[in-house]
Amino acid sequence: MKALLSSKPVLWFLFLFNLVVAVAAPFVVDGSQGVMTAVGMGVVSLGAGLSLLKGRGQTQTHAQTHAHAHAQGQGQGQGQRQGQRA
């Protein structure tokens, strides 16, 4: 379930759908029920939005780490080949 909830398409859906419902709820439902619906949906939308931002930073960091490890692996391979030639 965690993998499903942390996937980008699901997070985008949760963010946008709950944001739309949070904005529309006070106009559709009268009284305190509309306000509480808006607050609840707004909290879920903010949580999904923060997860998207958090995932964005980790994705860039992961890509940079992967590129750095790949570059180091190539450098080590060249050193081993040069040692074999000598």
N, C-alpha and C. Protein backbone atom coordinates (compact mmCIF):
# COMPACT_ATOMS: atom_id res chain seq x y z
N MET A 1 0.83 -1.20 0.00
CA MET A 1 0.00 0.00 0.00
C MET A 1 0.87 1.25 0.00
N LYS A 2 2.01 1.18 0.72
CA LYS A 2 2.90 2.34 0.81
C LYS A 2 3.46 2.70 -0.58
N ALA A 3 3.80 1.68 -1.36
CA ALA A 3 4.34 1.93 -2.70
C ALA A 3 3.30 2.60 -3.59
N LEU A 4 2.04 2.18 -3.43
CA LEU A 4 0.96 2.79 -4.23
C LEU A 4 0.76 4.24 -3.84
N LEU A 5 0.72 4.51 -2.54
CA LEU A 5 0.47 5.88 -2.08
C LEU A 5 1.64 6.82 -2.34
N SER A 6 2.83 6.28 -2.51
CA SER A 6 3.97 7.15 -2.75
C SER A 6 4.28 7.32 -4.24
N SER A 7 3.49 6.71 -5.12
CA SER A 7 3.73 6.88 -6.55
C SER A 7 3.25 8.27 -6.99
N LYS A 8 3.95 8.84 -7.93
CA LYS A 8 3.65 10.22 -8.35
C LYS A 8 2.24 10.40 -8.91
N PRO A 9 1.74 9.51 -9.75
CA PRO A 9 0.38 9.72 -10.26
C PRO A 9 -0.68 9.74 -9.15
N VAL A 10 -0.52 8.87 -8.17
CA VAL A 10 -1.48 8.83 -7.06
C VAL A 10 -1.37 10.10 -6.22
N LEU A 11 -0.14 10.55 -5.97
CA LEU A 11 0.04 11.79 -5.19
C LEU A 11 -0.55 12.99 -5.92
N TRP A 12 -0.37 13.04 -7.24
CA TRP A 12 -0.94 14.15 -8.01
C TRP A 12 -2.46 14.12 -7.95
N PHE A 13 -3.03 12.91 -8.08
CA PHE A 13 -4.48 12.78 -7.99
C PHE A 13 -4.98 13.23 -6.62
N LEU A 14 -4.34 12.75 -5.55
CA LEU A 14 -4.76 13.14 -4.20
C LEU A 14 -4.65 14.64 -4.00
N PHE A 15 -3.56 15.22 -4.49
CA PHE A 15 -3.35 16.65 -4.33
C PHE A 15 -4.43 17.46 -5.05
N LEU A 16 -4.62 17.17 -6.33
CA LEU A 16 -5.56 17.98 -7.12
C LEU A 16 -7.02 17.73 -6.76
N PHE A 17 -7.40 16.47 -6.61
CA PHE A 17 -8.80 16.14 -6.29
C PHE A 17 -9.20 16.73 -4.94
N ASN A 18 -8.37 16.52 -3.94
CA ASN A 18 -8.70 17.02 -2.61
C ASN A 18 -8.66 18.54 -2.55
N LEU A 19 -7.80 19.16 -3.34
CA LEU A 19 -7.77 20.62 -3.39
C LEU A 19 -9.07 21.16 -3.99
N VAL A 20 -9.54 20.55 -5.06
CA VAL A 20 -10.79 20.98 -5.70
C VAL A 20 -11.97 20.79 -4.74
N VAL A 21 -12.00 19.65 -4.06
CA VAL A 21 -13.10 19.40 -3.12
C VAL A 21 -13.02 20.38 -1.95
N ALA A 22 -11.81 20.67 -1.47
CA ALA A 22 -11.67 21.60 -0.35
C ALA A 22 -12.15 23.00 -0.73
N VAL A 23 -11.92 23.41 -1.96
CA VAL A 23 -12.37 24.73 -2.40
C VAL A 23 -13.88 24.75 -2.61
N ALA A 24 -14.43 23.66 -3.15
CA ALA A 24 -15.86 23.64 -3.49
C ALA A 24 -16.76 23.31 -2.30
N ALA A 25 -16.26 22.62 -1.29
CA ALA A 25 -17.10 22.12 -0.19
C ALA A 25 -17.91 23.21 0.52
N PRO A 26 -17.33 24.35 0.86
CA PRO A 26 -18.13 25.35 1.57
C PRO A 26 -19.29 25.91 0.72
N PHE A 27 -19.17 25.85 -0.59
CA PHE A 27 -20.23 26.35 -1.46
C PHE A 27 -21.31 25.31 -1.70
N VAL A 28 -20.96 24.04 -1.61
CA VAL A 28 -21.89 22.96 -1.88
C VAL A 28 -22.62 22.51 -0.61
N VAL A 29 -21.89 22.41 0.49
CA VAL A 29 -22.45 21.96 1.76
C VAL A 29 -22.51 23.15 2.71
N ASP A 30 -23.66 23.38 3.29
CA ASP A 30 -23.84 24.55 4.17
C ASP A 30 -23.36 24.25 5.59
N GLY A 31 -22.99 25.32 6.25
CA GLY A 31 -22.70 25.25 7.68
C GLY A 31 -21.34 24.68 8.02
N SER A 32 -21.27 24.19 9.25
CA SER A 32 -20.00 23.70 9.77
C SER A 32 -19.54 22.43 9.06
N GLN A 33 -20.47 21.66 8.52
CA GLN A 33 -20.09 20.44 7.81
C GLN A 33 -19.27 20.78 6.55
N GLY A 34 -19.65 21.81 5.85
CA GLY A 34 -18.89 22.25 4.68
C GLY A 34 -17.51 22.75 5.05
N VAL A 35 -17.44 23.51 6.16
CA VAL A 35 -16.15 24.03 6.60
C VAL A 35 -15.23 22.89 7.04
N MET A 36 -15.76 21.94 7.80
CA MET A 36 -14.94 20.82 8.25
C MET A 36 -14.51 19.92 7.09
N THR A 37 -15.36 19.76 6.11
CA THR A 37 -14.99 18.99 4.91
C THR A 37 -13.85 19.69 4.19
N ALA A 38 -13.95 21.01 4.07
CA ALA A 38 -12.90 21.78 3.41
C ALA A 38 -11.58 21.67 4.16
N VAL A 39 -11.64 21.73 5.48
CA VAL A 39 -10.42 21.62 6.29
C VAL A 39 -9.80 20.23 6.14
N GLY A 40 -10.62 19.19 6.24
CA GLY A 40 -10.10 17.83 6.12
C GLY A 40 -9.49 17.55 4.76
N MET A 41 -10.19 17.95 3.72
CA MET A 41 -9.67 17.74 2.37
C MET A 41 -8.44 18.60 2.11
N GLY A 42 -8.42 19.78 2.68
CA GLY A 42 -7.25 20.65 2.54
C GLY A 42 -6.02 20.05 3.19
N VAL A 43 -6.19 19.41 4.35
CA VAL A 43 -5.07 18.76 5.02
C VAL A 43 -4.52 17.60 4.18
N VAL A 44 -5.40 16.81 3.61
CA VAL A 44 -4.96 15.69 2.76
C VAL A 44 -4.24 16.24 1.53
N SER A 45 -4.78 17.31 0.95
CA SER A 45 -4.16 17.90 -0.22
C SER A 45 -2.77 18.46 0.11
N LEU A 46 -2.64 19.12 1.25
CA LEU A 46 -1.33 19.63 1.65
C LEU A 46 -0.34 18.49 1.89
N GLY A 47 -0.80 17.42 2.51
CA GLY A 47 0.08 16.27 2.74
C GLY A 47 0.58 15.67 1.43
N ALA A 48 -0.31 15.53 0.47
CA ALA A 48 0.10 14.99 -0.84
C ALA A 48 1.05 15.96 -1.54
N GLY A 49 0.76 17.26 -1.45
CA GLY A 49 1.64 18.25 -2.06
C GLY A 49 3.03 18.26 -1.45
N LEU A 50 3.09 18.14 -0.13
CA LEU A 50 4.39 18.08 0.53
C LEU A 50 5.15 16.81 0.16
N SER A 51 4.43 15.71 0.01
CA SER A 51 5.08 14.47 -0.42
C SER A 51 5.63 14.59 -1.83
N LEU A 52 4.91 15.30 -2.68
CA LEU A 52 5.41 15.53 -4.04
C LEU A 52 6.69 16.36 -4.01
N LEU A 53 6.71 17.39 -3.18
CA LEU A 53 7.91 18.22 -3.08
C LEU A 53 9.07 17.45 -2.47
N LYS A 54 8.79 16.66 -1.46
CA LYS A 54 9.82 15.86 -0.81
C LYS A 54 10.38 14.83 -1.79
N GLY A 55 9.50 14.18 -2.54
CA GLY A 55 9.93 13.19 -3.53
C GLY A 55 10.74 13.81 -4.65
N ARG A 56 10.42 15.05 -4.98
CA ARG A 56 11.16 15.76 -6.04
C ARG A 56 12.60 15.97 -5.63
N GLY A 57 12.83 16.39 -4.39
CA GLY A 57 14.19 16.59 -3.90
C GLY A 57 14.97 15.29 -3.81
N GLN A 58 14.32 14.20 -3.39
CA GLN A 58 14.98 12.91 -3.30
C GLN A 58 15.30 12.36 -4.67
N THR A 59 14.44 12.58 -5.64
CA THR A 59 14.68 12.07 -6.99
C THR A 59 15.91 12.74 -7.59
N GLN A 60 16.04 14.05 -7.42
CA GLN A 60 17.21 14.74 -7.94
C GLN A 60 18.47 14.27 -7.22
N THR A 61 18.40 14.13 -5.91
CA THR A 61 19.55 13.69 -5.14
C THR A 61 19.92 12.27 -5.54
N HIS A 62 18.93 11.41 -5.72
CA HIS A 62 19.19 10.03 -6.11
C HIS A 62 19.85 9.98 -7.49
N ALA A 63 19.37 10.80 -8.42
CA ALA A 63 19.95 10.82 -9.77
C ALA A 63 21.39 11.31 -9.71
N GLN A 64 21.66 12.32 -8.91
CA GLN A 64 23.02 12.83 -8.79
C GLN A 64 23.93 11.79 -8.16
N THR A 65 23.44 11.10 -7.12
CA THR A 65 24.22 10.06 -6.46
C THR A 65 24.52 8.93 -7.43
N HIS A 66 23.51 8.53 -8.21
CA HIS A 66 23.70 7.46 -9.18
C HIS A 66 24.73 7.86 -10.24
N ALA A 67 24.66 9.09 -10.72
CA ALA A 67 25.61 9.56 -11.73
C ALA A 67 27.03 9.60 -11.15
N HIS A 68 27.15 10.03 -9.89
CA HIS A 68 28.46 10.09 -9.25
C HIS A 68 29.04 8.68 -9.08
N ALA A 69 28.22 7.73 -8.63
CA ALA A 69 28.67 6.35 -8.45
C ALA A 69 29.06 5.74 -9.80
N HIS A 70 28.31 6.05 -10.83
CA HIS A 70 28.61 5.53 -12.17
C HIS A 70 29.95 6.08 -12.65
N ALA A 71 30.18 7.37 -12.42
CA ALA A 71 31.44 7.98 -12.84
C ALA A 71 32.62 7.38 -12.07
N GLN A 72 32.43 7.11 -10.78
CA GLN A 72 33.50 6.49 -10.00
C GLN A 72 33.78 5.08 -10.49
N GLY A 73 32.73 4.35 -10.83
CA GLY A 73 32.89 2.99 -11.34
C GLY A 73 33.68 2.97 -12.63
N GLN A 74 33.45 3.94 -13.49
CA GLN A 74 34.18 4.01 -14.75
C GLN A 74 35.64 4.33 -14.49
N GLY A 75 35.90 5.23 -13.54
CA GLY A 75 37.28 5.59 -13.20
C GLY A 75 38.03 4.41 -12.63
N GLN A 76 37.40 3.61 -11.79
CA GLN A 76 38.05 2.44 -11.21
C GLN A 76 38.32 1.40 -12.29
N GLY A 77 37.41 1.25 -13.21
CA GLY A 77 37.59 0.29 -14.30
C GLY A 77 38.77 0.67 -15.17
N GLN A 78 38.96 1.96 -15.42
CA GLN A 78 40.09 2.42 -16.24
C GLN A 78 41.40 2.14 -15.53
N GLY A 79 41.42 2.35 -14.21
CA GLY A 79 42.64 2.09 -13.44
C GLY A 79 43.00 0.62 -13.47
N GLN A 80 42.02 -0.25 -13.39
CA GLN A 80 42.28 -1.69 -13.43
C GLN A 80 42.79 -2.10 -14.80
N ARG A 81 42.23 -1.52 -15.86
CA ARG A 81 42.70 -1.86 -17.21
C ARG A 81 44.12 -1.38 -17.43
N GLN A 82 44.47 -0.21 -16.91
CA GLN A 82 45.82 0.29 -17.08
C GLN A 82 46.80 -0.58 -16.32
N GLY A 83 46.40 -1.08 -15.16
CA GLY A 83 47.28 -1.97 -14.39
C GLY A 83 47.49 -3.29 -15.10
N GLN A 84 46.50 -3.76 -15.85
CA GLN A 84 46.63 -5.01 -16.56
C GLN A 84 47.57 -4.86 -17.77
N ARG A 85 47.59 -3.69 -18.37
CA ARG A 85 48.44 -3.46 -19.55
C ARG A 85 49.92 -3.42 -19.17
N ALA A 86 50.23 -2.93 -17.99
CA ALA A 86 51.62 -2.72 -17.59
C ALA A 86 52.35 -3.99 -17.26
